[in-house]
Amino acid sequence: METILTLKDTVDYSSGATVSKIITKNSNGSTTLFSFDKGQNLSEHTAPFDASVLILEGKCKISIAGEPHLLSEGQWITMPANVPHALKAVSAFKMLLIMIKA
């Protein structure tokens, strides 16, 4: 079934929290929407496959192998497989996370 979404309107902010909403998921990967309230973070971790992020609204700092990247609405970055990365909300922000298993 076809579904048309306005991505940044599909997930809401929650005060002092991070919210996630799975859009698609199957054995080949997933797409997940996130909203982060200002100051929220995702601590450093790794993933066994590449993960790409599209910023839908706001600003965040994404560190990859210790190198910080400041991203804002409309920007995209790919976090390579098995490389440590972390996220921190500079302002409240929303993102789409795309993970494809290869």
PDB file of N, CA and C in Angstrom:
ATOM      1  N   MET A   1       0.829  -1.179   0.000  1.00  0.00           N
ATOM      2  CA  MET A   1       0.000   0.000   0.000  1.00  0.00           C
ATOM      3  C   MET A   1       0.878   1.249   0.000  1.00  0.00           C
ATOM      4  N   GLU A   2       0.559   2.187  -0.859  1.00  0.00           N
ATOM      5  CA  GLU A   2       1.307   3.430  -0.945  1.00  0.00           C
ATOM      6  C   GLU A   2       0.916   4.368   0.185  1.00  0.00           C
ATOM      7  N   THR A   3       1.925   5.055   0.725  1.00  0.00           N
ATOM      8  CA  THR A   3       1.680   6.029   1.775  1.00  0.00           C
ATOM      9  C   THR A   3       2.521   7.255   1.494  1.00  0.00           C
ATOM     10  N   ILE A   4       1.900   8.414   1.520  1.00  0.00           N
ATOM     11  CA  ILE A   4       2.622   9.673   1.351  1.00  0.00           C
ATOM     12  C   ILE A   4       2.762  10.304   2.727  1.00  0.00           C
ATOM     13  N   LEU A   5       4.011  10.634   3.090  1.00  0.00           N
ATOM     14  CA  LEU A   5       4.284  11.224   4.391  1.00  0.00           C
ATOM     15  C   LEU A   5       5.007  12.556   4.228  1.00  0.00           C
ATOM     16  N   THR A   6       4.710  13.492   5.083  1.00  0.00           N
ATOM     17  CA  THR A   6       5.535  14.676   5.246  1.00  0.00           C
ATOM     18  C   THR A   6       6.403  14.348   6.451  1.00  0.00           C
ATOM     19  N   LEU A   7       7.647  13.960   6.188  1.00  0.00           N
ATOM     20  CA  LEU A   7       8.473  13.329   7.214  1.00  0.00           C
ATOM     21  C   LEU A   7       8.577  14.117   8.506  1.00  0.00           C
ATOM     22  N   LYS A   8       8.877  15.409   8.427  1.00  0.00           N
ATOM     23  CA  LYS A   8       9.094  16.146   9.677  1.00  0.00           C
ATOM     24  C   LYS A   8       7.812  16.329  10.480  1.00  0.00           C
ATOM     25  N   ASP A   9       6.664  16.114   9.861  1.00  0.00           N
ATOM     26  CA  ASP A   9       5.390  16.200  10.578  1.00  0.00           C
ATOM     27  C   ASP A   9       4.935  14.842  11.129  1.00  0.00           C
ATOM     28  N   THR A  10       5.706  13.793  10.866  1.00  0.00           N
ATOM     29  CA  THR A  10       5.307  12.441  11.224  1.00  0.00           C
ATOM     30  C   THR A  10       5.769  12.028  12.618  1.00  0.00           C
ATOM     31  N   VAL A  11       6.726  12.776  13.187  1.00  0.00           N
ATOM     32  CA  VAL A  11       7.196  12.496  14.544  1.00  0.00           C
ATOM     33  C   VAL A  11       7.193  13.809  15.323  1.00  0.00           C
ATOM     34  N   ASP A  12       6.718  13.756  16.569  1.00  0.00           N
ATOM     35  CA  ASP A  12       6.623  14.949  17.412  1.00  0.00           C
ATOM     36  C   ASP A  12       7.777  15.001  18.406  1.00  0.00           C
ATOM     37  N   TYR A  13       8.039  16.199  18.909  1.00  0.00           N
ATOM     38  CA  TYR A  13       9.014  16.364  19.984  1.00  0.00           C
ATOM     39  C   TYR A  13       8.370  15.984  21.311  1.00  0.00           C
ATOM     40  N   SER A  14       9.216  15.562  22.240  1.00  0.00           N
ATOM     41  CA  SER A  14       8.793  15.294  23.606  1.00  0.00           C
ATOM     42  C   SER A  14       9.820  15.959  24.518  1.00  0.00           C
ATOM     43  N   SER A  15       9.365  16.790  25.432  1.00  0.00           N
ATOM     44  CA  SER A  15      10.256  17.554  26.298  1.00  0.00           C
ATOM     45  C   SER A  15      11.244  16.654  27.032  1.00  0.00           C
ATOM     46  N   GLY A  16      12.536  16.961  26.861  1.00  0.00           N
ATOM     47  CA  GLY A  16      13.584  16.225  27.550  1.00  0.00           C
ATOM     48  C   GLY A  16      13.788  14.803  27.076  1.00  0.00           C
ATOM     49  N   ALA A  17      13.348  14.501  25.855  1.00  0.00           N
ATOM     50  CA  ALA A  17      13.396  13.110  25.402  1.00  0.00           C
ATOM     51  C   ALA A  17      13.766  12.989  23.925  1.00  0.00           C
ATOM     52  N   THR A  18      14.027  11.764  23.539  1.00  0.00           N
ATOM     53  CA  THR A  18      14.233  11.391  22.147  1.00  0.00           C
ATOM     54  C   THR A  18      13.082  10.465  21.764  1.00  0.00           C
ATOM     55  N   VAL A  19      12.486  10.708  20.610  1.00  0.00           N
ATOM     56  CA  VAL A  19      11.360   9.911  20.130  1.00  0.00           C
ATOM     57  C   VAL A  19      11.754   9.251  18.817  1.00  0.00           C
ATOM     58  N   SER A  20      11.403   7.982  18.634  1.00  0.00           N
ATOM     59  CA  SER A  20      11.666   7.311  17.360  1.00  0.00           C
ATOM     60  C   SER A  20      10.381   6.690  16.832  1.00  0.00           C
ATOM     61  N   LYS A  21      10.307   6.630  15.511  1.00  0.00           N
ATOM     62  CA  LYS A  21       9.145   6.032  14.847  1.00  0.00           C
ATOM     63  C   LYS A  21       9.636   5.286  13.615  1.00  0.00           C
ATOM     64  N   ILE A  22       9.468   3.975  13.611  1.00  0.00           N
ATOM     65  CA  ILE A  22       9.886   3.165  12.473  1.00  0.00           C
ATOM     66  C   ILE A  22       8.910   3.391  11.322  1.00  0.00           C
ATOM     67  N   ILE A  23       9.471   3.724  10.165  1.00  0.00           N
ATOM     68  CA  ILE A  23       8.652   3.942   8.963  1.00  0.00           C
ATOM     69  C   ILE A  23       8.604   2.653   8.137  1.00  0.00           C
ATOM     70  N   THR A  24       9.774   2.063   7.911  1.00  0.00           N
ATOM     71  CA  THR A  24       9.837   0.784   7.203  1.00  0.00           C
ATOM     72  C   THR A  24      10.894  -0.087   7.864  1.00  0.00           C
ATOM     73  N   LYS A  25      10.673  -1.401   7.812  1.00  0.00           N
ATOM     74  CA  LYS A  25      11.663  -2.323   8.353  1.00  0.00           C
ATOM     75  C   LYS A  25      11.453  -3.671   7.698  1.00  0.00           C
ATOM     76  N   ASN A  26      12.553  -4.248   7.223  1.00  0.00           N
ATOM     77  CA  ASN A  26      12.526  -5.614   6.715  1.00  0.00           C
ATOM     78  C   ASN A  26      13.918  -6.207   6.879  1.00  0.00           C
ATOM     79  N   SER A  27      14.160  -7.380   6.350  1.00  0.00           N
ATOM     80  CA  SER A  27      15.446  -8.052   6.556  1.00  0.00           C
ATOM     81  C   SER A  27      16.615  -7.319   5.894  1.00  0.00           C
ATOM     82  N   ASN A  28      16.325  -6.393   4.980  1.00  0.00           N
ATOM     83  CA  ASN A  28      17.379  -5.652   4.292  1.00  0.00           C
ATOM     84  C   ASN A  28      17.732  -4.328   4.945  1.00  0.00           C
ATOM     85  N   GLY A  29      16.945  -3.871   5.917  1.00  0.00           N
ATOM     86  CA  GLY A  29      17.253  -2.614   6.580  1.00  0.00           C
ATOM     87  C   GLY A  29      16.012  -1.924   7.095  1.00  0.00           C
ATOM     88  N   SER A  30      16.188  -0.620   7.424  1.00  0.00           N
ATOM     89  CA  SER A  30      15.066   0.124   7.995  1.00  0.00           C
ATOM     90  C   SER A  30      15.206   1.615   7.738  1.00  0.00           C
ATOM     91  N   THR A  31      14.078   2.304   7.847  1.00  0.00           N
ATOM     92  CA  THR A  31      14.060   3.771   7.868  1.00  0.00           C
ATOM     93  C   THR A  31      13.297   4.167   9.125  1.00  0.00           C
ATOM     94  N   THR A  32      13.916   5.041   9.912  1.00  0.00           N
ATOM     95  CA  THR A  32      13.341   5.436  11.188  1.00  0.00           C
ATOM     96  C   THR A  32      13.428   6.940  11.352  1.00  0.00           C
ATOM     97  N   LEU A  33      12.328   7.550  11.776  1.00  0.00           N
ATOM     98  CA  LEU A  33      12.306   8.978  12.088  1.00  0.00           C
ATOM     99  C   LEU A  33      12.641   9.159  13.559  1.00  0.00           C
ATOM    100  N   PHE A  34      13.388  10.210  13.851  1.00  0.00           N
ATOM    101  CA  PHE A  34      13.719  10.548  15.231  1.00  0.00           C
ATOM    102  C   PHE A  34      13.460  12.024  15.465  1.00  0.00           C
ATOM    103  N   SER A  35      13.075  12.357  16.691  1.00  0.00           N
ATOM    104  CA  SER A  35      13.093  13.743  17.152  1.00  0.00           C
ATOM    105  C   SER A  35      13.883  13.761  18.454  1.00  0.00           C
ATOM    106  N   PHE A  36      14.758  14.736  18.579  1.00  0.00           N
ATOM    107  CA  PHE A  36      15.584  14.918  19.769  1.00  0.00           C
ATOM    108  C   PHE A  36      15.285  16.286  20.340  1.00  0.00           C
ATOM    109  N   ASP A  37      14.953  16.362  21.607  1.00  0.00           N
ATOM    110  CA  ASP A  37      14.820  17.662  22.253  1.00  0.00           C
ATOM    111  C   ASP A  37      16.230  18.234  22.428  1.00  0.00           C
ATOM    112  N   LYS A  38      16.339  19.554  22.523  1.00  0.00           N
ATOM    113  CA  LYS A  38      17.641  20.203  22.683  1.00  0.00           C
ATOM    114  C   LYS A  38      18.394  19.571  23.848  1.00  0.00           C
ATOM    115  N   GLY A  39      19.678  19.263  23.614  1.00  0.00           N
ATOM    116  CA  GLY A  39      20.527  18.686  24.640  1.00  0.00           C
ATOM    117  C   GLY A  39      20.506  17.169  24.711  1.00  0.00           C
ATOM    118  N   GLN A  40      19.536  16.534  24.066  1.00  0.00           N
ATOM    119  CA  GLN A  40      19.477  15.069  24.058  1.00  0.00           C
ATOM    120  C   GLN A  40      20.610  14.527  23.182  1.00  0.00           C
ATOM    121  N   ASN A  41      21.011  13.293  23.438  1.00  0.00           N
ATOM    122  CA  ASN A  41      22.097  12.731  22.638  1.00  0.00           C
ATOM    123  C   ASN A  41      21.928  11.232  22.476  1.00  0.00           C
ATOM    124  N   LEU A  42      22.710  10.714  21.579  1.00  0.00           N
ATOM    125  CA  LEU A  42      22.834   9.282  21.364  1.00  0.00           C
ATOM    126  C   LEU A  42      24.315   9.002  21.579  1.00  0.00           C
ATOM    127  N   SER A  43      24.653   8.257  22.621  1.00  0.00           N
ATOM    128  CA  SER A  43      26.051   8.060  22.980  1.00  0.00           C
ATOM    129  C   SER A  43      26.800   7.282  21.892  1.00  0.00           C
ATOM    130  N   GLU A  44      28.116   7.383  21.964  1.00  0.00           N
ATOM    131  CA  GLU A  44      28.960   6.772  20.939  1.00  0.00           C
ATOM    132  C   GLU A  44      28.702   5.266  20.852  1.00  0.00           C
ATOM    133  N   HIS A  45      28.584   4.801  19.613  1.00  0.00           N
ATOM    134  CA  HIS A  45      28.343   3.385  19.346  1.00  0.00           C
ATOM    135  C   HIS A  45      28.789   3.083  17.924  1.00  0.00           C
ATOM    136  N   THR A  46      28.717   1.837  17.518  1.00  0.00           N
ATOM    137  CA  THR A  46      28.999   1.441  16.143  1.00  0.00           C
ATOM    138  C   THR A  46      27.823   0.639  15.607  1.00  0.00           C
ATOM    139  N   ALA A  47      27.787   0.502  14.299  1.00  0.00           N
ATOM    140  CA  ALA A  47      26.771  -0.326  13.640  1.00  0.00           C
ATOM    141  C   ALA A  47      27.503  -1.224  12.636  1.00  0.00           C
ATOM    142  N   PRO A  48      27.001  -2.424  12.387  1.00  0.00           N
ATOM    143  CA  PRO A  48      27.694  -3.345  11.487  1.00  0.00           C
ATOM    144  C   PRO A  48      27.504  -3.025  10.001  1.00  0.00           C
ATOM    145  N   PHE A  49      26.771  -1.946   9.699  1.00  0.00           N
ATOM    146  CA  PHE A  49      26.565  -1.547   8.309  1.00  0.00           C
ATOM    147  C   PHE A  49      26.435  -0.022   8.263  1.00  0.00           C
ATOM    148  N   ASP A  50      26.600   0.557   7.071  1.00  0.00           N
ATOM    149  CA  ASP A  50      26.496   2.008   6.915  1.00  0.00           C
ATOM    150  C   ASP A  50      25.123   2.495   7.367  1.00  0.00           C
ATOM    151  N   ALA A  51      25.109   3.683   7.964  1.00  0.00           N
ATOM    152  CA  ALA A  51      23.864   4.326   8.381  1.00  0.00           C
ATOM    153  C   ALA A  51      23.904   5.765   7.867  1.00  0.00           C
ATOM    154  N   SER A  52      22.851   6.186   7.188  1.00  0.00           N
ATOM    155  CA  SER A  52      22.784   7.547   6.650  1.00  0.00           C
ATOM    156  C   SER A  52      21.725   8.340   7.386  1.00  0.00           C
ATOM    157  N   VAL A  53      22.011   9.632   7.570  1.00  0.00           N
ATOM    158  CA  VAL A  53      21.113  10.521   8.293  1.00  0.00           C
ATOM    159  C   VAL A  53      20.789  11.722   7.419  1.00  0.00           C
ATOM    160  N   LEU A  54      19.501  12.059   7.340  1.00  0.00           N
ATOM    161  CA  LEU A  54      19.024  13.271   6.684  1.00  0.00           C
ATOM    162  C   LEU A  54      18.389  14.139   7.756  1.00  0.00           C
ATOM    163  N   ILE A  55      18.903  15.350   7.938  1.00  0.00           N
ATOM    164  CA  ILE A  55      18.347  16.266   8.927  1.00  0.00           C
ATOM    165  C   ILE A  55      17.108  16.921   8.325  1.00  0.00           C
ATOM    166  N   LEU A  56      15.980  16.800   9.014  1.00  0.00           N
ATOM    167  CA  LEU A  56      14.700  17.319   8.530  1.00  0.00           C
ATOM    168  C   LEU A  56      14.374  18.688   9.113  1.00  0.00           C
ATOM    169  N   GLU A  57      14.932  18.969  10.297  1.00  0.00           N
ATOM    170  CA  GLU A  57      14.602  20.209  10.996  1.00  0.00           C
ATOM    171  C   GLU A  57      15.613  20.386  12.129  1.00  0.00           C
ATOM    172  N   GLY A  58      16.019  21.622  12.405  1.00  0.00           N
ATOM    173  CA  GLY A  58      16.903  21.900  13.526  1.00  0.00           C
ATOM    174  C   GLY A  58      18.362  21.639  13.210  1.00  0.00           C
ATOM    175  N   LYS A  59      19.175  21.543  14.288  1.00  0.00           N
ATOM    176  CA  LYS A  59      20.621  21.353  14.147  1.00  0.00           C
ATOM    177  C   LYS A  59      21.119  20.300  15.116  1.00  0.00           C
ATOM    178  N   CYS A  60      22.105  19.529  14.647  1.00  0.00           N
ATOM    179  CA  CYS A  60      22.734  18.534  15.514  1.00  0.00           C
ATOM    180  C   CYS A  60      24.208  18.427  15.199  1.00  0.00           C
ATOM    181  N   LYS A  61      24.939  17.894  16.177  1.00  0.00           N
ATOM    182  CA  LYS A  61      26.350  17.595  15.986  1.00  0.00           C
ATOM    183  C   LYS A  61      26.470  16.086  15.912  1.00  0.00           C
ATOM    184  N   ILE A  62      27.056  15.608  14.832  1.00  0.00           N
ATOM    185  CA  ILE A  62      27.310  14.184  14.675  1.00  0.00           C
ATOM    186  C   ILE A  62      28.822  14.002  14.648  1.00  0.00           C
ATOM    187  N   SER A  63      29.326  13.203  15.569  1.00  0.00           N
ATOM    188  CA  SER A  63      30.753  12.902  15.609  1.00  0.00           C
ATOM    189  C   SER A  63      30.972  11.524  15.007  1.00  0.00           C
ATOM    190  N   ILE A  64      31.910  11.445  14.076  1.00  0.00           N
ATOM    191  CA  ILE A  64      32.260  10.181  13.437  1.00  0.00           C
ATOM    192  C   ILE A  64      33.757   9.990  13.634  1.00  0.00           C
ATOM    193  N   ALA A  65      34.138   8.915  14.302  1.00  0.00           N
ATOM    194  CA  ALA A  65      35.538   8.643  14.638  1.00  0.00           C
ATOM    195  C   ALA A  65      36.155   9.851  15.349  1.00  0.00           C
ATOM    196  N   GLY A  66      35.367  10.497  16.210  1.00  0.00           N
ATOM    197  CA  GLY A  66      35.843  11.628  16.988  1.00  0.00           C
ATOM    198  C   GLY A  66      35.836  12.972  16.271  1.00  0.00           C
ATOM    199  N   GLU A  67      35.502  12.997  14.991  1.00  0.00           N
ATOM    200  CA  GLU A  67      35.476  14.250  14.220  1.00  0.00           C
ATOM    201  C   GLU A  67      34.047  14.806  14.213  1.00  0.00           C
ATOM    202  N   PRO A  68      33.846  16.026  14.760  1.00  0.00           N
ATOM    203  CA  PRO A  68      32.497  16.592  14.818  1.00  0.00           C
ATOM    204  C   PRO A  68      32.046  17.195  13.486  1.00  0.00           C
ATOM    205  N   HIS A  69      30.762  17.056  13.209  1.00  0.00           N
ATOM    206  CA  HIS A  69      30.131  17.622  12.015  1.00  0.00           C
ATOM    207  C   HIS A  69      28.847  18.296  12.465  1.00  0.00           C
ATOM    208  N   LEU A  70      28.690  19.588  12.161  1.00  0.00           N
ATOM    209  CA  LEU A  70      27.462  20.311  12.499  1.00  0.00           C
ATOM    210  C   LEU A  70      26.546  20.256  11.297  1.00  0.00           C
ATOM    211  N   LEU A  71      25.366  19.681  11.476  1.00  0.00           N
ATOM    212  CA  LEU A  71      24.414  19.532  10.376  1.00  0.00           C
ATOM    213  C   LEU A  71      23.126  20.265  10.686  1.00  0.00           C
ATOM    214  N   SER A  72      22.478  20.750   9.626  1.00  0.00           N
ATOM    215  CA  SER A  72      21.192  21.425   9.763  1.00  0.00           C
ATOM    216  C   SER A  72      20.252  20.942   8.664  1.00  0.00           C
ATOM    217  N   GLU A  73      19.037  21.466   8.702  1.00  0.00           N
ATOM    218  CA  GLU A  73      17.966  21.025   7.805  1.00  0.00           C
ATOM    219  C   GLU A  73      18.435  20.866   6.363  1.00  0.00           C
ATOM    220  N   GLY A  74      18.116  19.713   5.786  1.00  0.00           N
ATOM    221  CA  GLY A  74      18.427  19.428   4.393  1.00  0.00           C
ATOM    222  C   GLY A  74      19.781  18.769   4.180  1.00  0.00           C
ATOM    223  N   GLN A  75      20.598  18.665   5.223  1.00  0.00           N
ATOM    224  CA  GLN A  75      21.916  18.058   5.062  1.00  0.00           C
ATOM    225  C   GLN A  75      21.880  16.565   5.375  1.00  0.00           C
ATOM    226  N   TRP A  76      22.805  15.849   4.742  1.00  0.00           N
ATOM    227  CA  TRP A  76      22.870  14.392   4.787  1.00  0.00           C
ATOM    228  C   TRP A  76      24.289  13.986   5.122  1.00  0.00           C
ATOM    229  N   ILE A  77      24.447  12.943   5.901  1.00  0.00           N
ATOM    230  CA  ILE A  77      25.769  12.387   6.182  1.00  0.00           C
ATOM    231  C   ILE A  77      25.635  10.879   6.301  1.00  0.00           C
ATOM    232  N   THR A  78      26.688  10.169   5.895  1.00  0.00           N
ATOM    233  CA  THR A  78      26.717   8.720   6.050  1.00  0.00           C
ATOM    234  C   THR A  78      27.761   8.361   7.089  1.00  0.00           C
ATOM    235  N   MET A  79      27.362   7.524   8.026  1.00  0.00           N
ATOM    236  CA  MET A  79      28.246   7.038   9.074  1.00  0.00           C
ATOM    237  C   MET A  79      28.680   5.632   8.669  1.00  0.00           C
ATOM    238  N   PRO A  80      29.973   5.453   8.384  1.00  0.00           N
ATOM    239  CA  PRO A  80      30.443   4.157   7.883  1.00  0.00           C
ATOM    240  C   PRO A  80      30.292   3.023   8.896  1.00  0.00           C
ATOM    241  N   ALA A  81      30.122   1.848   8.383  1.00  0.00           N
ATOM    242  CA  ALA A  81      30.013   0.650   9.213  1.00  0.00           C
ATOM    243  C   ALA A  81      31.225   0.504  10.124  1.00  0.00           C
ATOM    244  N   ASN A  82      30.974   0.069  11.351  1.00  0.00           N
ATOM    245  CA  ASN A  82      32.009  -0.255  12.329  1.00  0.00           C
ATOM    246  C   ASN A  82      32.889   0.917  12.754  1.00  0.00           C
ATOM    247  N   VAL A  83      32.462   2.139  12.484  1.00  0.00           N
ATOM    248  CA  VAL A  83      33.186   3.341  12.906  1.00  0.00           C
ATOM    249  C   VAL A  83      32.371   4.003  14.014  1.00  0.00           C
ATOM    250  N   PRO A  84      32.975   4.310  15.161  1.00  0.00           N
ATOM    251  CA  PRO A  84      32.223   4.920  16.260  1.00  0.00           C
ATOM    252  C   PRO A  84      31.608   6.269  15.855  1.00  0.00           C
ATOM    253  N   HIS A  85      30.356   6.463  16.262  1.00  0.00           N
ATOM    254  CA  HIS A  85      29.678   7.728  15.988  1.00  0.00           C
ATOM    255  C   HIS A  85      28.724   8.047  17.135  1.00  0.00           C
ATOM    256  N   ALA A  86      28.403   9.346  17.267  1.00  0.00           N
ATOM    257  CA  ALA A  86      27.508   9.817  18.325  1.00  0.00           C
ATOM    258  C   ALA A  86      26.760  11.033  17.804  1.00  0.00           C
ATOM    259  N   LEU A  87      25.599  11.330  18.409  1.00  0.00           N
ATOM    260  CA  LEU A  87      24.787  12.475  18.011  1.00  0.00           C
ATOM    261  C   LEU A  87      24.429  13.306  19.230  1.00  0.00           C
ATOM    262  N   LYS A  88      24.370  14.639  19.044  1.00  0.00           N
ATOM    263  CA  LYS A  88      23.920  15.527  20.113  1.00  0.00           C
ATOM    264  C   LYS A  88      23.075  16.638  19.504  1.00  0.00           C
ATOM    265  N   ALA A  89      21.941  16.921  20.130  1.00  0.00           N
ATOM    266  CA  ALA A  89      21.022  17.958  19.661  1.00  0.00           C
ATOM    267  C   ALA A  89      21.530  19.339  20.074  1.00  0.00           C
ATOM    268  N   VAL A  90      21.982  20.123  19.098  1.00  0.00           N
ATOM    269  CA  VAL A  90      22.387  21.511  19.343  1.00  0.00           C
ATOM    270  C   VAL A  90      21.136  22.345  19.594  1.00  0.00           C
ATOM    271  N   SER A  91      20.084  22.048  18.824  1.00  0.00           N
ATOM    272  CA  SER A  91      18.737  22.573  19.045  1.00  0.00           C
ATOM    273  C   SER A  91      17.826  21.357  18.936  1.00  0.00           C
ATOM    274  N   ALA A  92      16.570  21.523  19.224  1.00  0.00           N
ATOM    275  CA  ALA A  92      15.648  20.422  18.948  1.00  0.00           C
ATOM    276  C   ALA A  92      15.781  20.111  17.461  1.00  0.00           C
ATOM    277  N   PHE A  93      15.856  18.827  17.113  1.00  0.00           N
ATOM    278  CA  PHE A  93      15.972  18.486  15.690  1.00  0.00           C
ATOM    279  C   PHE A  93      15.274  17.172  15.388  1.00  0.00           C
ATOM    280  N   LYS A  94      14.986  17.005  14.088  1.00  0.00           N
ATOM    281  CA  LYS A  94      14.377  15.778  13.585  1.00  0.00           C
ATOM    282  C   LYS A  94      15.254  15.233  12.478  1.00  0.00           C
ATOM    283  N   MET A  95      15.326  13.897  12.401  1.00  0.00           N
ATOM    284  CA  MET A  95      16.153  13.279  11.370  1.00  0.00           C
ATOM    285  C   MET A  95      15.509  11.986  10.875  1.00  0.00           C
ATOM    286  N   LEU A  96      15.905  11.611   9.681  1.00  0.00           N
ATOM    287  CA  LEU A  96      15.544  10.315   9.116  1.00  0.00           C
ATOM    288  C   LEU A  96      16.814   9.482   9.095  1.00  0.00           C
ATOM    289  N   LEU A  97      16.765   8.316   9.709  1.00  0.00           N
ATOM    290  CA  LEU A  97      17.894   7.384   9.728  1.00  0.00           C
ATOM    291  C   LEU A  97      17.599   6.264   8.756  1.00  0.00           C
ATOM    292  N   ILE A  98      18.519   6.032   7.822  1.00  0.00           N
ATOM    293  CA  ILE A  98      18.355   4.974   6.824  1.00  0.00           C
ATOM    294  C   ILE A  98      19.497   3.973   7.006  1.00  0.00           C
ATOM    295  N   MET A  99      19.119   2.748   7.289  1.00  0.00           N
ATOM    296  CA  MET A  99      20.122   1.689   7.444  1.00  0.00           C
ATOM    297  C   MET A  99      19.812   0.585   6.437  1.00  0.00           C
ATOM    298  N   ILE A 100      20.805   0.281   5.616  1.00  0.00           N
ATOM    299  CA  ILE A 100      20.645  -0.781   4.632  1.00  0.00           C
ATOM    300  C   ILE A 100      21.724  -1.813   4.902  1.00  0.00           C
ATOM    301  N   LYS A 101      21.306  -3.032   5.147  1.00  0.00           N
ATOM    302  CA  LYS A 101      22.256  -4.105   5.413  1.00  0.00           C
ATOM    303  C   LYS A 101      22.857  -4.570   4.100  1.00  0.00           C
ATOM    304  N   ALA A 102      24.179  -4.671   4.080  1.00  0.00           N
ATOM    305  CA  ALA A 102      24.837  -5.097   2.841  1.00  0.00           C
ATOM    306  C   ALA A 102      25.655  -6.340   3.107  1.00  0.00           C
TER     307      ALA A 102
END
